[in-house]
Structures are given as C-alpha cells and as structure tokens.
C-alpha cells in the first residue's frame, strides 16, 4: 500500500468529520489502527480488482505493512495533511468495503479525493455517494476552495464518479504509467466552491 503522506502536502487548518453516514446503510469512518486487520483482509481480497489502477496493489501487503500505513494515515490526519476513511456496512460493524481519502498533495487551497471500492460492491453507487460526502466535507474546510479527482483515462468506472457529481474535466495530463491498466493519460476533474 502506498504511503499516505507525500513530501509536499498542504496543511488544512480544519478537520473534516470523522464519521460520514451515507444512504443505504454505508458509512465512512476515520481509519484507525483498530481497522488494520479488516483493511488488510479487504485489500488482499481485492488485489486483482485493484491491480490495474493502483501501483501499491502489485503485491499483497503483510499485516505489519497495513499497520504501518494505517499509523501513517492517523499521523497525517492529526497533522492536517490527509484524511483517510474506510467505507463499511453499518449492519456489519468493523467491515471494510473500500477506502477513501482527502489528500493535500495538489497544492494550496485544494484537496484530492482518492478511492477504491470492494469488487463485490462496485456499481451500487457507494463511490459516488462517498465522493459526494467528501466533496462537501472538503469544501466546508477553511481555506479549501477546490477539490479534484484524478484517474487514468482508461478507468471508466472511476471517471464516472466525478462526472455524476458535476465536476468539470479541467485537463488531461501526461503521467507516468505505474499500474498495468494505465495509459499514461490522467484525467483531472475539478469542483470549486
């Protein structure tokens, strides 16, 4: 799994809610070390689903690696640079069916939303609902006026999320190919306050 906090992260003076309830009995919870075992199991179960689009999915993480990444995510939240959530089913407390984050890696006054959803739960609107909730939470933070979603041009499912939420396609950037499904053409979707 990739490091949570890149070197050049912007600090947000506020914090988003630690719990965001979505329609359909799904919630976004601030990730904590208590979730590490369930997160590791979810990632390992979804490697084939994630591998085309996520560099860190090339190999199964060990439980210790997941704990390390989770601790880094907790530290990033506390530092105000990244806010990492797990998505779970309310009827199954402790379940992990995906991960979402607000990342301060795109410059001042902006946060980037990153996400993945468990293969068995794709197509149910979970990514769209979670990204919508995170968009609102991000734009409510002091000093944040822009939210972006980046995805490879070939990742149609991921690109459908910002399109449904009324983000505008700001540009298509050349990018290094880091995962097998990528084309090297990155769509940059933007929503502003």
Protein backbone atom coordinates (compact mmCIF):
# COMPACT_ATOMS: atom_id res chain seq x y z
CA UNK A 1 0.00 0.00 0.00
CA UNK A 2 1.27 3.44 -0.86
CA UNK A 3 2.50 5.91 1.73
CA UNK A 4 -0.27 8.17 2.92
CA UNK A 5 1.64 11.42 3.23
CA UNK A 6 3.67 12.60 0.24
CA UNK A 7 6.50 15.05 0.93
CA UNK A 8 4.74 18.21 -0.24
CA UNK A 9 1.37 18.17 1.50
CA UNK A 10 -0.62 21.25 2.32
CA UNK A 11 -1.89 21.59 5.87
CA UNK A 12 -5.59 22.28 6.33
CA UNK A 13 -6.49 24.44 9.35
CA UNK A 14 -9.72 22.48 9.94
CA UNK A 15 -10.65 18.83 10.10
CA UNK A 16 -13.49 17.01 8.34
CA UNK A 17 -15.94 14.89 10.33
CA UNK A 18 -14.57 11.53 11.50
CA UNK A 19 -17.84 9.79 10.56
CA UNK A 20 -19.94 10.41 7.47
CA UNK A 21 -23.14 8.39 7.11
CA UNK A 22 -24.25 7.65 3.57
CA UNK A 23 -27.55 6.39 2.20
CA UNK A 24 -28.11 2.65 2.05
CA UNK A 25 -26.55 1.71 5.38
CA UNK A 26 -22.99 2.62 4.46
CA UNK A 27 -20.63 4.91 6.39
CA UNK A 28 -17.22 6.48 6.03
CA UNK A 29 -15.18 6.14 9.24
CA UNK A 30 -11.87 7.77 10.02
CA UNK A 31 -9.30 5.00 9.60
CA UNK A 32 -7.60 3.87 12.81
CA UNK A 33 -5.22 1.10 13.80
CA UNK A 34 -8.27 -0.84 15.05
CA UNK A 35 -9.20 -1.30 11.38
CA UNK A 36 -5.83 -2.65 10.21
CA UNK A 37 -6.75 -6.37 10.15
CA UNK A 38 -10.04 -5.80 8.31
CA UNK A 39 -8.34 -3.41 5.88
CA UNK A 40 -5.57 -5.92 5.18
CA UNK A 41 -8.13 -8.65 4.50
CA UNK A 42 -10.12 -6.35 2.19
CA UNK A 43 -7.06 -5.28 0.22
CA UNK A 44 -5.83 -8.86 -0.13
CA UNK A 45 -9.29 -9.99 -1.31
CA UNK A 46 -9.37 -7.19 -3.91
CA UNK A 47 -5.86 -7.28 -5.36
CA UNK A 48 -6.95 -8.47 -8.81
CA UNK A 49 -9.64 -5.77 -8.88
CA UNK A 50 -7.24 -3.01 -7.74
CA UNK A 51 -4.04 -4.03 -9.52
CA UNK A 52 -4.87 -2.45 -12.93
CA UNK A 53 -5.22 1.03 -11.39
CA UNK A 54 -3.22 1.21 -8.16
CA UNK A 55 0.55 0.86 -8.06
CA UNK A 56 0.53 -0.28 -4.44
CA UNK A 57 -1.71 -3.27 -5.35
CA UNK A 58 1.12 -5.01 -7.23
CA UNK A 59 1.78 -7.18 -4.17
CA UNK A 60 -0.28 -8.26 -1.19
CA UNK A 61 0.58 -6.22 1.88
CA UNK A 62 1.56 -8.02 5.05
CA UNK A 63 -0.45 -7.30 8.18
CA UNK A 64 2.56 -5.35 9.51
CA UNK A 65 2.68 -3.19 6.35
CA UNK A 66 -1.01 -2.40 6.71
CA UNK A 67 -0.50 -1.40 10.35
CA UNK A 68 2.40 0.85 9.28
CA UNK A 69 0.34 2.53 6.54
CA UNK A 70 -2.59 2.91 8.93
CA UNK A 71 -0.36 4.58 11.53
CA UNK A 72 0.95 6.95 8.85
CA UNK A 73 -2.65 7.78 7.94
CA UNK A 74 -3.51 8.53 11.56
CA UNK A 75 -0.45 10.80 11.82
CA UNK A 76 -1.38 12.57 8.56
CA UNK A 77 -4.92 13.21 9.86
CA UNK A 78 -3.52 14.59 13.09
CA UNK A 79 -1.10 16.77 11.10
CA UNK A 80 -3.95 18.05 8.92
CA UNK A 81 -2.46 16.91 5.59
CA UNK A 82 -4.52 13.84 4.65
CA UNK A 83 -7.84 12.44 5.90
CA UNK A 84 -8.18 8.71 5.31
CA UNK A 85 -11.50 6.90 5.67
CA UNK A 86 -12.69 3.34 5.40
CA UNK A 87 -16.08 2.57 3.98
CA UNK A 88 -18.10 -0.05 5.84
CA UNK A 89 -21.57 -1.53 6.08
CA UNK A 90 -23.49 -0.27 9.10
CA UNK A 91 -25.09 -3.71 9.53
CA UNK A 92 -21.60 -5.24 9.82
CA UNK A 93 -19.61 -3.07 12.26
CA UNK A 94 -15.90 -3.23 11.52
CA UNK A 95 -16.43 -4.28 7.91
CA UNK A 96 -14.23 -2.71 5.22
CA UNK A 97 -15.56 -2.47 1.66
CA UNK A 98 -13.28 0.28 0.44
CA UNK A 99 -11.09 3.20 1.28
CA UNK A 100 -11.37 6.92 0.53
CA UNK A 101 -9.13 9.83 1.27
CA UNK A 102 -8.83 13.57 1.10
CA UNK A 103 -5.20 14.23 0.17
CA UNK A 104 -3.32 17.51 0.47
CA UNK A 105 -0.90 16.71 -2.35
CA UNK A 106 -2.15 19.06 -5.08
CA UNK A 107 -1.23 22.45 -3.69
CA UNK A 108 -2.64 25.22 -1.54
CA UNK A 109 -6.39 25.58 -1.10
CA UNK A 110 -7.17 22.17 -2.58
CA UNK A 111 -7.67 18.54 -1.67
CA UNK A 112 -7.69 15.48 -3.92
CA UNK A 113 -10.15 12.62 -3.39
CA UNK A 114 -8.79 9.12 -3.91
CA UNK A 115 -10.84 5.94 -3.58
CA UNK A 116 -11.42 2.28 -4.18
CA UNK A 117 -14.43 0.05 -3.52
CA UNK A 118 -14.56 -3.72 -2.96
CA UNK A 119 -15.24 -5.63 -6.20
CA UNK A 120 -18.44 -7.15 -4.78
CA UNK A 121 -19.83 -3.67 -4.03
CA UNK A 122 -18.98 -1.88 -7.28
CA UNK A 123 -21.91 -0.47 -9.24
CA UNK A 124 -24.06 0.27 -6.19
CA UNK A 125 -23.36 4.00 -6.02
CA UNK A 126 -21.07 3.73 -2.99
CA UNK A 127 -18.13 5.52 -4.63
CA UNK A 128 -20.38 8.31 -5.88
CA UNK A 129 -22.12 8.78 -2.52
CA UNK A 130 -18.82 8.72 -0.61
CA UNK A 131 -17.11 11.12 -3.03
CA UNK A 132 -20.10 13.46 -2.78
CA UNK A 133 -19.92 13.45 1.02
CA UNK A 134 -16.16 14.03 0.95
CA UNK A 135 -16.51 16.82 -1.61
CA UNK A 136 -18.89 18.63 0.73
CA UNK A 137 -16.69 17.99 3.76
CA UNK A 138 -13.59 19.22 1.91
CA UNK A 139 -15.21 22.41 0.62
CA UNK A 140 -16.50 23.16 4.13
CA UNK A 141 -12.93 23.27 5.47
CA UNK A 142 -11.40 26.72 5.97
CA UNK A 143 -9.04 27.61 3.16
CA UNK A 144 -10.16 24.83 0.81
CA UNK A 145 -11.81 26.13 -2.35
CA UNK A 146 -11.12 23.30 -4.79
CA UNK A 147 -11.47 19.53 -4.81
CA UNK A 148 -10.01 17.30 -7.51
CA UNK A 149 -10.40 13.68 -8.56
CA UNK A 150 -7.64 12.19 -10.72
CA UNK A 151 -7.90 8.92 -12.63
CA UNK A 152 -6.41 7.29 -15.67
CA UNK A 153 -8.26 7.86 -18.93
CA UNK A 154 -8.88 4.11 -19.26
CA UNK A 155 -10.54 3.83 -15.83
CA UNK A 156 -14.13 4.47 -16.96
CA UNK A 157 -15.68 3.41 -13.65
CA UNK A 158 -13.56 5.88 -11.69
CA UNK A 159 -14.19 8.68 -14.20
CA UNK A 160 -17.95 8.16 -13.92
CA UNK A 161 -17.88 9.32 -10.28
CA UNK A 162 -16.79 12.96 -10.79
CA UNK A 163 -18.90 13.18 -13.94
CA UNK A 164 -22.03 12.19 -11.95
CA UNK A 165 -21.16 14.73 -9.24
CA UNK A 166 -20.87 17.67 -11.62
CA UNK A 167 -17.10 18.01 -11.54
CA UNK A 168 -15.66 19.53 -14.69
CA UNK A 169 -12.89 17.89 -16.64
CA UNK A 170 -10.19 20.56 -16.28
CA UNK A 171 -7.44 18.87 -18.24
CA UNK A 172 -5.78 15.65 -19.32
CA UNK A 173 -2.18 15.36 -18.16
CA UNK A 174 0.59 13.06 -19.29
CA UNK A 175 1.53 10.85 -16.36
CA UNK A 176 3.94 8.04 -15.67
CA UNK A 177 2.37 4.60 -16.09
CA UNK A 178 2.58 2.98 -12.67
CA UNK A 179 -0.05 0.25 -12.89
CA UNK A 180 -0.84 -2.25 -15.66
CA UNK A 181 -4.21 -0.76 -16.71
CA UNK A 182 -2.97 2.80 -17.05
CA UNK A 183 -2.49 4.63 -20.35
CA UNK A 184 -0.34 7.50 -19.08
CA UNK A 185 -3.19 9.96 -19.67
CA UNK A 186 -4.56 11.27 -16.38
CA UNK A 187 -7.98 12.94 -16.23
CA UNK A 188 -8.11 15.82 -13.74
CA UNK A 189 -11.64 16.56 -12.58
CA UNK A 190 -12.31 19.74 -10.55
CA UNK A 191 -15.09 21.10 -8.37
CA UNK A 192 -14.78 24.53 -6.80
CA UNK A 193 -16.61 26.28 -4.02
